[in-house]
C-alpha atoms as a PDB file:
ATOM      1  CA  MET A   1     -15.670  30.673   3.180  1.00  0.00           C
ATOM      2  CA  LEU A   2     -13.193  27.961   3.831  1.00  0.00           C
ATOM      3  CA  ALA A   3     -13.572  24.940   1.407  1.00  0.00           C
ATOM      4  CA  SER A   4     -13.297  22.021   3.962  1.00  0.00           C
ATOM      5  CA  PRO A   5     -10.872  19.354   3.020  1.00  0.00           C
ATOM      6  CA  PHE A   6     -12.851  16.873   5.145  1.00  0.00           C
ATOM      7  CA  PRO A   7     -15.597  15.886   2.486  1.00  0.00           C
ATOM      8  CA  ASN A   8     -12.857  14.853   0.048  1.00  0.00           C
ATOM      9  CA  TRP A   9     -10.797  13.124   2.464  1.00  0.00           C
ATOM     10  CA  ASN A  10     -13.595  11.120   3.774  1.00  0.00           C
ATOM     11  CA  VAL A  11     -14.590   9.027   0.915  1.00  0.00           C
ATOM     12  CA  LEU A  12     -14.382   5.312   0.656  1.00  0.00           C
ATOM     13  CA  ALA A  13     -13.487   2.954  -2.133  1.00  0.00           C
ATOM     14  CA  LEU A  14     -16.108   0.388  -3.678  1.00  0.00           C
ATOM     15  CA  GLY A  15     -17.026  -1.676  -6.649  1.00  0.00           C
ATOM     16  CA  VAL A  16     -18.702  -1.462  -9.811  1.00  0.00           C
ATOM     17  CA  VAL A  17     -22.224  -1.675 -10.471  1.00  0.00           C
ATOM     18  CA  ALA A  18     -23.357  -5.458 -10.171  1.00  0.00           C
ATOM     19  CA  SER A  19     -24.981  -6.851 -13.322  1.00  0.00           C
ATOM     20  CA  LEU A  20     -25.706 -10.185 -11.615  1.00  0.00           C
ATOM     21  CA  HIS A  21     -27.270 -10.857  -8.302  1.00  0.00           C
ATOM     22  CA  CYS A  22     -27.861 -14.589  -8.651  1.00  0.00           C
ATOM     23  CA  HIS A  23     -25.240 -15.473  -6.155  1.00  0.00           C
ATOM     24  CA  ILE A  24     -26.873 -13.353  -3.461  1.00  0.00           C
ATOM     25  CA  VAL A  25     -28.597 -15.434  -1.050  1.00  0.00           C
ATOM     26  CA  GLN A  26     -29.550 -12.790   1.852  1.00  0.00           C
ATOM     27  CA  ALA A  27     -28.734  -9.245   2.349  1.00  0.00           C
ATOM     28  CA  ASP A  28     -29.883  -7.815   5.779  1.00  0.00           C
ATOM     29  CA  ILE A  29     -28.936  -5.361   8.581  1.00  0.00           C
ATOM     30  CA  ILE A  30     -27.297  -6.932  11.417  1.00  0.00           C
ATOM     31  CA  GLU A  31     -26.112  -5.584  14.854  1.00  0.00           C
ATOM     32  CA  ILE A  32     -23.171  -6.486  17.149  1.00  0.00           C
ATOM     33  CA  PRO A  33     -22.529  -5.058  20.727  1.00  0.00           C
ATOM     34  CA  GLY A  34     -20.668  -1.783  20.727  1.00  0.00           C
ATOM     35  CA  PRO A  35     -19.145   0.158  23.667  1.00  0.00           C
ATOM     36  CA  GLY A  36     -22.387   1.974  24.465  1.00  0.00           C
ATOM     37  CA  GLY A  37     -25.043   0.612  22.041  1.00  0.00           C
ATOM     38  CA  ALA A  38     -25.167  -1.565  19.148  1.00  0.00           C
ATOM     39  CA  LEU A  39     -23.028  -1.277  16.137  1.00  0.00           C
ATOM     40  CA  ALA A  40     -24.660  -1.670  12.688  1.00  0.00           C
ATOM     41  CA  GLY A  41     -23.765  -3.273   9.405  1.00  0.00           C
ATOM     42  CA  GLU A  42     -25.130  -4.820   6.447  1.00  0.00           C
ATOM     43  CA  ARG A  43     -24.349  -8.296   5.322  1.00  0.00           C
ATOM     44  CA  VAL A  44     -24.592  -9.658   1.917  1.00  0.00           C
ATOM     45  CA  LEU A  45     -24.347 -13.434   1.908  1.00  0.00           C
ATOM     46  CA  VAL A  46     -23.132 -15.177  -1.433  1.00  0.00           C
ATOM     47  CA  GLU A  47     -23.994 -19.011  -1.718  1.00  0.00           C
ATOM     48  CA  GLY A  48     -21.025 -21.135  -1.170  1.00  0.00           C
ATOM     49  CA  ALA A  49     -18.676 -18.207  -0.391  1.00  0.00           C
ATOM     50  CA  ALA A  50     -15.261 -19.172   1.106  1.00  0.00           C
ATOM     51  CA  GLN A  51     -14.552 -15.488   1.785  1.00  0.00           C
ATOM     52  CA  VAL A  52     -16.069 -12.467   3.227  1.00  0.00           C
ATOM     53  CA  VAL A  53     -14.865  -8.955   3.129  1.00  0.00           C
ATOM     54  CA  VAL A  54     -15.384  -6.414   6.068  1.00  0.00           C
ATOM     55  CA  ILE A  55     -15.662  -2.886   4.201  1.00  0.00           C
ATOM     56  CA  VAL A  56     -14.272  -0.189   6.483  1.00  0.00           C
ATOM     57  CA  PRO A  57     -15.401   3.361   5.600  1.00  0.00           C
ATOM     58  CA  GLY A  58     -13.212   6.649   5.279  1.00  0.00           C
ATOM     59  CA  SER A  59     -13.287   9.425   7.662  1.00  0.00           C
ATOM     60  CA  GLY A  60     -16.177  11.676   8.492  1.00  0.00           C
ATOM     61  CA  PRO A  61     -20.037  11.266   8.478  1.00  0.00           C
ATOM     62  CA  ILE A  62     -20.381   8.644   5.728  1.00  0.00           C
ATOM     63  CA  ASP A  63     -22.730   5.643   5.950  1.00  0.00           C
ATOM     64  CA  ARG A  64     -22.173   2.000   5.028  1.00  0.00           C
ATOM     65  CA  ASP A  65     -23.206   2.639   1.574  1.00  0.00           C
ATOM     66  CA  GLY A  66     -20.749   5.314   1.038  1.00  0.00           C
ATOM     67  CA  ASN A  67     -23.267   8.373   1.282  1.00  0.00           C
ATOM     68  CA  GLY A  68     -23.244  11.466   3.583  1.00  0.00           C
ATOM     69  CA  ALA A  69     -25.618  14.365   3.219  1.00  0.00           C
ATOM     70  CA  GLN A  70     -23.835  16.274   5.829  1.00  0.00           C
ATOM     71  CA  VAL A  71     -20.493  16.440   3.445  1.00  0.00           C
ATOM     72  CA  GLY A  72     -22.612  16.448   0.101  1.00  0.00           C
ATOM     73  CA  LEU A  73     -21.535  12.958  -0.723  1.00  0.00           C
ATOM     74  CA  HIS A  74     -23.800  10.473  -2.619  1.00  0.00           C
ATOM     75  CA  SER A  75     -21.981   7.805  -4.245  1.00  0.00           C
ATOM     76  CA  ASP A  76     -23.305   4.450  -3.242  1.00  0.00           C
ATOM     77  CA  THR A  77     -19.562   3.556  -3.362  1.00  0.00           C
ATOM     78  CA  TYR A  78     -19.985   0.713  -0.704  1.00  0.00           C
ATOM     79  CA  ARG A  79     -23.241  -0.645  -1.844  1.00  0.00           C
ATOM     80  CA  LEU A  80     -21.831  -0.955  -5.396  1.00  0.00           C
ATOM     81  CA  LEU A  81     -18.527  -2.717  -3.880  1.00  0.00           C
ATOM     82  CA  ALA A  82     -20.800  -5.231  -2.094  1.00  0.00           C
ATOM     83  CA  GLU A  83     -22.643  -5.843  -5.301  1.00  0.00           C
ATOM     84  CA  ALA A  84     -19.318  -6.366  -7.173  1.00  0.00           C
ATOM     85  CA  LEU A  85     -17.929  -8.763  -4.643  1.00  0.00           C
ATOM     86  CA  ALA A  86     -21.154 -10.790  -4.849  1.00  0.00           C
ATOM     87  CA  ASP A  87     -20.724 -11.094  -8.530  1.00  0.00           C
ATOM     88  CA  GLN A  88     -17.364 -12.759  -7.864  1.00  0.00           C
ATOM     89  CA  GLY A  89     -18.669 -15.147  -5.248  1.00  0.00           C
ATOM     90  CA  ILE A  90     -17.661 -13.297  -2.237  1.00  0.00           C
ATOM     91  CA  SER A  91     -19.631 -12.289   0.796  1.00  0.00           C
ATOM     92  CA  SER A  92     -19.217  -9.018   2.682  1.00  0.00           C
ATOM     93  CA  ILE A  93     -20.258  -6.637   5.589  1.00  0.00           C
ATOM     94  CA  ARG A  94     -20.448  -3.199   5.125  1.00  0.00           C
ATOM     95  CA  ILE A  95     -20.412  -1.065   8.534  1.00  0.00           C
ATOM     96  CA  ASP A  96     -21.832   2.294  10.134  1.00  0.00           C
ATOM     97  CA  LYS A  97     -19.036   3.663  12.160  1.00  0.00           C
ATOM     98  CA  ARG A  98     -19.528   4.211  15.796  1.00  0.00           C
ATOM     99  CA  GLY A  99     -21.548   6.966  16.641  1.00  0.00           C
ATOM    100  CA  LEU A 100     -23.132   7.610  13.065  1.00  0.00           C
ATOM    101  CA  PHE A 101     -26.135   6.245  11.342  1.00  0.00           C
ATOM    102  CA  GLY A 102     -27.371   2.576  12.498  1.00  0.00           C
ATOM    103  CA  SER A 103     -24.428   2.855  15.052  1.00  0.00           C
ATOM    104  CA  ALA A 104     -25.654   6.127  16.452  1.00  0.00           C
ATOM    105  CA  ASP A 105     -25.979   4.778  19.989  1.00  0.00           C
ATOM    106  CA  ALA A 106     -22.687   3.125  20.182  1.00  0.00           C
ATOM    107  CA  VAL A 107     -20.913   6.339  21.549  1.00  0.00           C
ATOM    108  CA  THR A 108     -22.355   9.899  22.544  1.00  0.00           C
ATOM    109  CA  ASP A 109     -20.170  12.043  20.425  1.00  0.00           C
ATOM    110  CA  PRO A 110     -19.197  10.388  17.064  1.00  0.00           C
ATOM    111  CA  ASN A 111     -16.069  12.752  16.912  1.00  0.00           C
ATOM    112  CA  ASP A 112     -14.547  11.843  20.351  1.00  0.00           C
ATOM    113  CA  VAL A 113     -13.023   8.610  18.768  1.00  0.00           C
ATOM    114  CA  THR A 114      -9.566   7.056  17.972  1.00  0.00           C
ATOM    115  CA  ILE A 115      -8.186   4.892  15.234  1.00  0.00           C
ATOM    116  CA  ALA A 116      -7.689   2.338  17.857  1.00  0.00           C
ATOM    117  CA  GLU A 117     -11.207   2.343  19.004  1.00  0.00           C
ATOM    118  CA  TYR A 118     -12.118   1.969  15.166  1.00  0.00           C
ATOM    119  CA  ALA A 119      -9.872  -0.790  14.968  1.00  0.00           C
ATOM    120  CA  ASP A 120     -11.776  -2.422  17.946  1.00  0.00           C
ATOM    121  CA  ASP A 121     -14.938  -2.200  15.888  1.00  0.00           C
ATOM    122  CA  VAL A 122     -13.357  -3.642  12.971  1.00  0.00           C
ATOM    123  CA  LEU A 123     -11.893  -6.699  14.922  1.00  0.00           C
ATOM    124  CA  ALA A 124     -15.424  -7.415  16.490  1.00  0.00           C
ATOM    125  CA  TRP A 125     -16.882  -7.125  12.869  1.00  0.00           C
ATOM    126  CA  VAL A 126     -14.222  -9.608  11.844  1.00  0.00           C
ATOM    127  CA  GLU A 127     -15.343 -12.122  14.495  1.00  0.00           C
ATOM    128  CA  THR A 128     -18.949 -11.838  13.595  1.00  0.00           C
ATOM    129  CA  ALA A 129     -17.738 -12.249   9.705  1.00  0.00           C
ATOM    130  CA  ARG A 130     -16.168 -15.537  10.611  1.00  0.00           C
ATOM    131  CA  GLU A 131     -19.742 -16.939  11.256  1.00  0.00           C
ATOM    132  CA  ILE A 132     -20.210 -16.236   7.429  1.00  0.00           C
ATOM    133  CA  ALA A 133     -17.075 -17.604   5.960  1.00  0.00           C
ATOM    134  CA  PRO A 134     -13.961 -19.008   7.294  1.00  0.00           C
ATOM    135  CA  CYS A 135     -11.584 -16.591   5.738  1.00  0.00           C
ATOM    136  CA  VAL A 136     -11.999 -12.799   6.556  1.00  0.00           C
ATOM    137  CA  TRP A 137     -10.357  -9.948   4.610  1.00  0.00           C
ATOM    138  CA  VAL A 138     -10.669  -6.301   5.668  1.00  0.00           C
ATOM    139  CA  ALA A 139     -10.857  -3.559   2.879  1.00  0.00           C
ATOM    140  CA  GLY A 140     -10.533  -0.130   3.955  1.00  0.00           C
ATOM    141  CA  HIS A 141     -10.827   3.102   1.688  1.00  0.00           C
ATOM    142  CA  SER A 142      -8.767   6.293   2.620  1.00  0.00           C
ATOM    143  CA  GLU A 143      -8.814   6.646   6.371  1.00  0.00           C
ATOM    144  CA  GLY A 144     -10.443   3.087   6.512  1.00  0.00           C
ATOM    145  CA  GLY A 145      -7.334   1.691   5.177  1.00  0.00           C
ATOM    146  CA  LEU A 146      -5.302   3.128   8.096  1.00  0.00           C
ATOM    147  CA  VAL A 147      -8.002   1.515  10.269  1.00  0.00           C
ATOM    148  CA  ALA A 148      -7.605  -1.680   8.593  1.00  0.00           C
ATOM    149  CA  LEU A 149      -3.759  -1.693   8.901  1.00  0.00           C
ATOM    150  CA  THR A 150      -4.237  -0.956  12.718  1.00  0.00           C
ATOM    151  CA  ALA A 151      -6.729  -3.945  13.100  1.00  0.00           C
ATOM    152  CA  ALA A 152      -4.262  -6.214  11.370  1.00  0.00           C
ATOM    153  CA  GLU A 153      -1.317  -5.126  13.438  1.00  0.00           C
ATOM    154  CA  ARG A 154      -3.272  -6.003  16.571  1.00  0.00           C
ATOM    155  CA  GLU A 155      -4.758  -9.342  15.564  1.00  0.00           C
ATOM    156  CA  PRO A 156      -2.943 -10.587  12.296  1.00  0.00           C
ATOM    157  CA  GLU A 157      -4.075 -14.011  13.033  1.00  0.00           C
ATOM    158  CA  ALA A 158      -7.661 -12.910  12.827  1.00  0.00           C
ATOM    159  CA  ILE A 159      -7.469 -11.570   9.086  1.00  0.00           C
ATOM    160  CA  CYS A 160      -6.794 -13.507   5.948  1.00  0.00           C
ATOM    161  CA  GLY A 161      -5.692 -10.393   3.840  1.00  0.00           C
ATOM    162  CA  LEU A 162      -5.993  -6.582   3.458  1.00  0.00           C
ATOM    163  CA  VAL A 163      -7.336  -4.353   0.527  1.00  0.00           C
ATOM    164  CA  LEU A 164      -6.130  -1.076   0.788  1.00  0.00           C
ATOM    165  CA  LEU A 165      -8.150   1.543  -1.445  1.00  0.00           C
ATOM    166  CA  ALA A 166      -6.769   4.987  -2.112  1.00  0.00           C
ATOM    167  CA  THR A 167      -5.077   4.588   1.334  1.00  0.00           C
ATOM    168  CA  ALA A 168      -2.619   7.315   2.236  1.00  0.00           C
ATOM    169  CA  GLY A 169       1.309   6.081   2.660  1.00  0.00           C
ATOM    170  CA  ARG A 170       2.267   9.390   4.395  1.00  0.00           C
ATOM    171  CA  PRO A 171       1.385  10.532   7.771  1.00  0.00           C
ATOM    172  CA  ILE A 172      -2.281  11.942   7.349  1.00  0.00           C
ATOM    173  CA  GLY A 173      -1.395  15.473   8.547  1.00  0.00           C
ATOM    174  CA  GLN A 174       0.971  15.825   5.890  1.00  0.00           C
ATOM    175  CA  LEU A 175      -1.500  14.701   3.327  1.00  0.00           C
ATOM    176  CA  MET A 176      -4.218  16.833   4.545  1.00  0.00           C
ATOM    177  CA  LEU A 177      -2.007  19.843   4.321  1.00  0.00           C
ATOM    178  CA  GLU A 178      -1.296  19.035   0.700  1.00  0.00           C
ATOM    179  CA  GLN A 179      -4.926  18.706   0.074  1.00  0.00           C
ATOM    180  CA  MET A 180      -5.474  22.241   1.813  1.00  0.00           C
ATOM    181  CA  HIS A 181      -2.876  23.927  -0.365  1.00  0.00           C
ATOM    182  CA  ALA A 182      -4.317  22.456  -3.523  1.00  0.00           C
ATOM    183  CA  ASN A 183      -7.602  24.278  -2.788  1.00  0.00           C
ATOM    184  CA  PRO A 184      -7.483  28.011  -3.925  1.00  0.00           C
ATOM    185  CA  ALA A 185     -10.285  28.758  -1.709  1.00  0.00           C
ATOM    186  CA  ASN A 186      -8.157  28.053   1.253  1.00  0.00           C
ATOM    187  CA  ALA A 187      -5.382  30.459   0.235  1.00  0.00           C
ATOM    188  CA  ALA A 188      -6.257  33.144   2.754  1.00  0.00           C
ATOM    189  CA  LEU A 189      -6.406  31.219   5.718  1.00  0.00           C
ATOM    190  CA  MET A 190      -3.358  28.730   4.946  1.00  0.00           C
ATOM    191  CA  PRO A 191      -1.254  30.645   7.469  1.00  0.00           C
ATOM    192  CA  ASP A 192      -3.715  29.869  10.332  1.00  0.00           C
ATOM    193  CA  LEU A 193      -4.434  26.323   8.956  1.00  0.00           C
ATOM    194  CA  GLU A 194      -0.511  25.521   9.000  1.00  0.00           C
ATOM    195  CA  ALA A 195      -0.201  26.917  12.603  1.00  0.00           C
ATOM    196  CA  ILE A 196      -3.037  25.018  13.800  1.00  0.00           C
ATOM    197  CA  MET A 197      -2.137  21.690  11.981  1.00  0.00           C
ATOM    198  CA  ALA A 198       1.561  22.165  13.515  1.00  0.00           C
ATOM    199  CA  ASP A 199       0.111  22.320  16.705  1.00  0.00           C
ATOM    200  CA  LEU A 200      -1.971  19.172  16.443  1.00  0.00           C
ATOM    201  CA  GLN A 201       1.042  17.252  14.844  1.00  0.00           C
ATOM    202  CA  ILE A 202       2.916  17.587  18.027  1.00  0.00           C
ATOM    203  CA  GLY A 203      -0.186  16.964  20.394  1.00  0.00           C
ATOM    204  CA  ARG A 204      -1.022  20.407  21.274  1.00  0.00           C
ATOM    205  CA  THR A 205      -4.746  21.578  21.166  1.00  0.00           C
ATOM    206  CA  ARG A 206      -5.756  25.043  20.672  1.00  0.00           C
ATOM    207  CA  PRO A 207      -8.472  26.833  22.497  1.00  0.00           C
ATOM    208  CA  LEU A 208     -11.473  27.768  20.093  1.00  0.00           C
ATOM    209  CA  ASP A 209     -10.857  31.537  20.874  1.00  0.00           C
ATOM    210  CA  GLN A 210      -7.618  31.217  19.334  1.00  0.00           C
ATOM    211  CA  ILE A 211      -8.848  29.804  16.029  1.00  0.00           C
ATOM    212  CA  PRO A 212     -10.356  31.974  13.562  1.00  0.00           C
ATOM    213  CA  GLU A 213     -14.203  31.838  13.295  1.00  0.00           C
ATOM    214  CA  ALA A 214     -14.109  30.449   9.770  1.00  0.00           C
ATOM    215  CA  LEU A 215     -12.054  27.524  10.846  1.00  0.00           C
ATOM    216  CA  ARG A 216     -13.763  26.684  14.207  1.00  0.00           C
ATOM    217  CA  ALA A 217     -16.119  24.068  12.827  1.00  0.00           C
ATOM    218  CA  LEU A 218     -13.279  22.043  11.417  1.00  0.00           C
ATOM    219  CA  PHE A 219     -11.154  22.427  14.659  1.00  0.00           C
ATOM    220  CA  SER A 220     -13.864  21.655  17.393  1.00  0.00           C
ATOM    221  CA  PRO A 221     -12.186  20.348  20.727  1.00  0.00           C
ATOM    222  CA  SER A 222     -13.494  16.589  19.779  1.00  0.00           C
ATOM    223  CA  LEU A 223     -12.057  16.970  16.425  1.00  0.00           C
ATOM    224  CA  GLN A 224      -8.642  18.242  17.593  1.00  0.00           C
ATOM    225  CA  ARG A 225      -8.455  15.283  20.048  1.00  0.00           C
ATOM    226  CA  PHE A 226      -9.267  12.858  17.158  1.00  0.00           C
ATOM    227  CA  MET A 227      -6.805  14.730  14.657  1.00  0.00           C
ATOM    228  CA  ILE A 228      -3.937  14.547  17.208  1.00  0.00           C
ATOM    229  CA  ASP A 229      -4.551  10.682  17.440  1.00  0.00           C
ATOM    230  CA  LEU A 230      -4.870  10.296  13.599  1.00  0.00           C
ATOM    231  CA  PHE A 231      -1.610  12.178  13.086  1.00  0.00           C
ATOM    232  CA  SER A 232       0.129  10.090  15.370  1.00  0.00           C
ATOM    233  CA  HIS A 233      -0.149   6.881  13.197  1.00  0.00           C
ATOM    234  CA  ASP A 234       2.430   6.283  10.577  1.00  0.00           C
ATOM    235  CA  PRO A 235       0.803   4.055   7.736  1.00  0.00           C
ATOM    236  CA  LEU A 236       4.299   2.571   6.498  1.00  0.00           C
ATOM    237  CA  GLU A 237       5.110   1.477  10.107  1.00  0.00           C
ATOM    238  CA  LEU A 238       1.952  -0.368  10.385  1.00  0.00           C
ATOM    239  CA  ALA A 239       2.230  -1.648   6.640  1.00  0.00           C
ATOM    240  CA  ARG A 240       5.823  -3.145   7.707  1.00  0.00           C
ATOM    241  CA  THR A 241       4.176  -5.395  10.161  1.00  0.00           C
ATOM    242  CA  TRP A 242       1.670  -6.909   7.863  1.00  0.00           C
ATOM    243  CA  SER A 243       3.079 -10.210   6.235  1.00  0.00           C
ATOM    244  CA  GLY A 244      -0.066 -11.562   4.836  1.00  0.00           C
ATOM    245  CA  PRO A 245      -1.677 -11.369   1.520  1.00  0.00           C
ATOM    246  CA  ALA A 246      -2.601  -7.879   0.575  1.00  0.00           C
ATOM    247  CA  LEU A 247      -3.987  -5.873  -2.447  1.00  0.00           C
ATOM    248  CA  ILE A 248      -3.242  -1.954  -3.003  1.00  0.00           C
ATOM    249  CA  ILE A 249      -5.641  -0.324  -5.392  1.00  0.00           C
ATOM    250  CA  GLN A 250      -4.864   3.395  -6.418  1.00  0.00           C
ATOM    251  CA  GLY A 251      -6.355   5.639  -9.052  1.00  0.00           C
ATOM    252  CA  ARG A 252      -4.351   7.821 -11.248  1.00  0.00           C
ATOM    253  CA  ALA A 253      -7.252  10.327 -11.321  1.00  0.00           C
ATOM    254  CA  ASP A 254      -7.300  10.576  -7.637  1.00  0.00           C
ATOM    255  CA  GLN A 255      -7.021  14.385  -6.291  1.00  0.00           C
ATOM    256  CA  GLN A 256      -6.423  13.349  -2.742  1.00  0.00           C
ATOM    257  CA  VAL A 257      -4.377  10.388  -2.380  1.00  0.00           C
ATOM    258  CA  ARG A 258      -1.645   9.865  -5.082  1.00  0.00           C
ATOM    259  CA  PRO A 259       0.065   7.201  -6.789  1.00  0.00           C
ATOM    260  CA  LEU A 260       2.956   8.095  -4.625  1.00  0.00           C
ATOM    261  CA  ASP A 261       1.053   6.755  -1.508  1.00  0.00           C
ATOM    262  CA  ALA A 262       0.392   3.511  -3.131  1.00  0.00           C
ATOM    263  CA  THR A 263       3.967   2.837  -3.884  1.00  0.00           C
ATOM    264  CA  LEU A 264       5.236   3.681  -0.578  1.00  0.00           C
ATOM    265  CA  LEU A 265       2.853   1.434   0.954  1.00  0.00           C
ATOM    266  CA  ASN A 266       4.030  -1.369  -1.582  1.00  0.00           C
ATOM    267  CA  GLY A 267       7.481  -0.579  -0.400  1.00  0.00           C
ATOM    268  CA  ALA A 268       6.578  -1.317   3.165  1.00  0.00           C
ATOM    269  CA  MET A 269       4.667  -4.509   1.979  1.00  0.00           C
ATOM    270  CA  PRO A 270       6.425  -5.969  -1.087  1.00  0.00           C
ATOM    271  CA  GLN A 271       4.336  -9.139  -1.086  1.00  0.00           C
ATOM    272  CA  ALA A 272       1.232  -6.820  -1.641  1.00  0.00           C
ATOM    273  CA  ASP A 273      -0.243  -6.688  -5.389  1.00  0.00           C
ATOM    274  CA  LEU A 274      -0.067  -3.130  -6.454  1.00  0.00           C
ATOM    275  CA  GLN A 275      -2.653  -1.858  -9.034  1.00  0.00           C
ATOM    276  CA  LEU A 276      -2.501   1.607 -10.256  1.00  0.00           C
ATOM    277  CA  ILE A 277      -5.579   2.297 -12.466  1.00  0.00           C
ATOM    278  CA  GLU A 278      -5.725   4.988 -15.277  1.00  0.00           C
ATOM    279  CA  GLY A 279      -8.620   7.517 -15.023  1.00  0.00           C
ATOM    280  CA  MET A 280      -9.955   6.346 -11.668  1.00  0.00           C
ATOM    281  CA  THR A 281     -10.941   8.944  -9.080  1.00  0.00           C
ATOM    282  CA  HIS A 282     -10.759   8.604  -5.257  1.00  0.00           C
ATOM    283  CA  MET A 283     -14.149   7.165  -5.399  1.00  0.00           C
ATOM    284  CA  LEU A 284     -12.813   4.380  -7.538  1.00  0.00           C
ATOM    285  CA  LYS A 285     -15.195   5.562 -10.317  1.00  0.00           C
ATOM    286  CA  PRO A 286     -14.197   6.458 -13.849  1.00  0.00           C
ATOM    287  CA  HIS A 287     -13.227  10.201 -13.930  1.00  0.00           C
ATOM    288  CA  VAL A 288     -15.937  12.402 -15.652  1.00  0.00           C
ATOM    289  CA  PRO A 289     -14.223  15.197 -17.993  1.00  0.00           C
ATOM    290  CA  GLY A 290     -15.259  18.635 -16.868  1.00  0.00           C
ATOM    291  CA  ALA A 291     -16.987  17.334 -13.741  1.00  0.00           C
ATOM    292  CA  PRO A 292     -14.324  16.598 -11.035  1.00  0.00           C
ATOM    293  CA  LEU A 293     -17.027  16.062  -8.518  1.00  0.00           C
ATOM    294  CA  ALA A 294     -19.343  13.881 -10.271  1.00  0.00           C
ATOM    295  CA  THR A 295     -18.060  10.646  -8.782  1.00  0.00           C
ATOM    296  CA  TYR A 296     -18.793  11.886  -5.402  1.00  0.00           C
ATOM    297  CA  THR A 297     -22.492  13.097  -6.085  1.00  0.00           C
ATOM    298  CA  ASP A 298     -23.954  10.748  -8.891  1.00  0.00           C
ATOM    299  CA  PRO A 299     -24.695   7.305  -7.723  1.00  0.00           C
ATOM    300  CA  SER A 300     -25.537   6.273 -11.187  1.00  0.00           C
ATOM    301  CA  ILE A 301     -21.872   6.244 -12.111  1.00  0.00           C
ATOM    302  CA  PRO A 302     -20.700   2.960 -11.896  1.00  0.00           C
ATOM    303  CA  LEU A 303     -17.307   2.044 -10.221  1.00  0.00           C
ATOM    304  CA  HIS A 304     -14.380   1.174 -12.257  1.00  0.00           C
ATOM    305  CA  PRO A 305     -14.987  -2.156 -13.861  1.00  0.00           C
ATOM    306  CA  ALA A 306     -11.579  -3.332 -12.705  1.00  0.00           C
ATOM    307  CA  ILE A 307     -12.090  -2.946  -8.976  1.00  0.00           C
ATOM    308  CA  GLY A 308     -14.542  -6.172  -8.565  1.00  0.00           C
ATOM    309  CA  ALA A 309     -12.351  -8.338 -10.900  1.00  0.00           C
ATOM    310  CA  LEU A 310      -9.149  -7.198  -9.176  1.00  0.00           C
ATOM    311  CA  MET A 311     -10.456  -8.139  -5.716  1.00  0.00           C
ATOM    312  CA  GLY A 312     -11.999 -11.346  -6.904  1.00  0.00           C
ATOM    313  CA  VAL A 313      -8.631 -12.475  -8.599  1.00  0.00           C
ATOM    314  CA  THR A 314      -6.634 -11.633  -5.481  1.00  0.00           C
ATOM    315  CA  LEU A 315      -8.720 -13.132  -2.885  1.00  0.00           C
ATOM    316  CA  LYS A 316      -9.508 -16.281  -4.882  1.00  0.00           C
ATOM    317  CA  GLY A 317      -5.812 -16.627  -5.589  1.00  0.00           C
ATOM    318  CA  ALA A 318      -4.812 -16.369  -1.926  1.00  0.00           C
ATOM    319  CA  LEU A 319      -6.820 -19.511  -1.341  1.00  0.00           C
ATOM    320  CA  ASP A 320      -4.723 -21.534  -3.744  1.00  0.00           C
END
């Protein structure tokens, strides 16, 4: 059986378990209009906050808390990030992507989407976030970082700053192939995977009858269309268009996105603050020796304690 690269690729980054909740004055579910139905999110309001962060999830069926039973993910990463931000005096909105969970009615097929459409949704959330605080930052993890960069390119005046969490600095197709090669369980299917990925990277789909049965779930027609769009975006080209404040956070124990990616992004955004954190995984949690998947499946593991502090210092510093 092929070990899917997507559960690993799909995880968003967030903060550390909050020890204090005295700043939080309200936490509730909110909805805004979407393309075919409502988009849902959860806002955490902090008394006197001058800034609010829209938290953009990574790829795949992951909810606003950072969990997805379909891909074996139970991290609570985004919820923990919202709490860590609250401890820093910062409000937040974490969102369900169109077609999924609370936003299930927004589109009929959650796989039939594009990065530009995700960016549309993020910009709609940014507009709503301005009702909470005058300065809106967008924090995206993994694929969510690419969405954040796309939104910032389109409406830079709407966004105060960007936080890129475990975000690829190379084309996503290249990074996915690297992940596939790194998994020994994929070895027998690598020739087929490489051929299919090569087609998608030049914008060519494959009929299902030309795809091995073991790979058809990964390369359904709608997912192929999504990947063609995904692979067409160069994160460095997008990063070069952003001249505002930015924070790039990357864990050295991340097995999906590498410190190289963060360094490349920083080269394209030299004004950004680059933070490489020892012992931190793709989930922005401390690595558990001998248990490489623990940070994906155990919500009791707190996020790395540096995350909330780094974001707090960067966001507050940008106000000075």
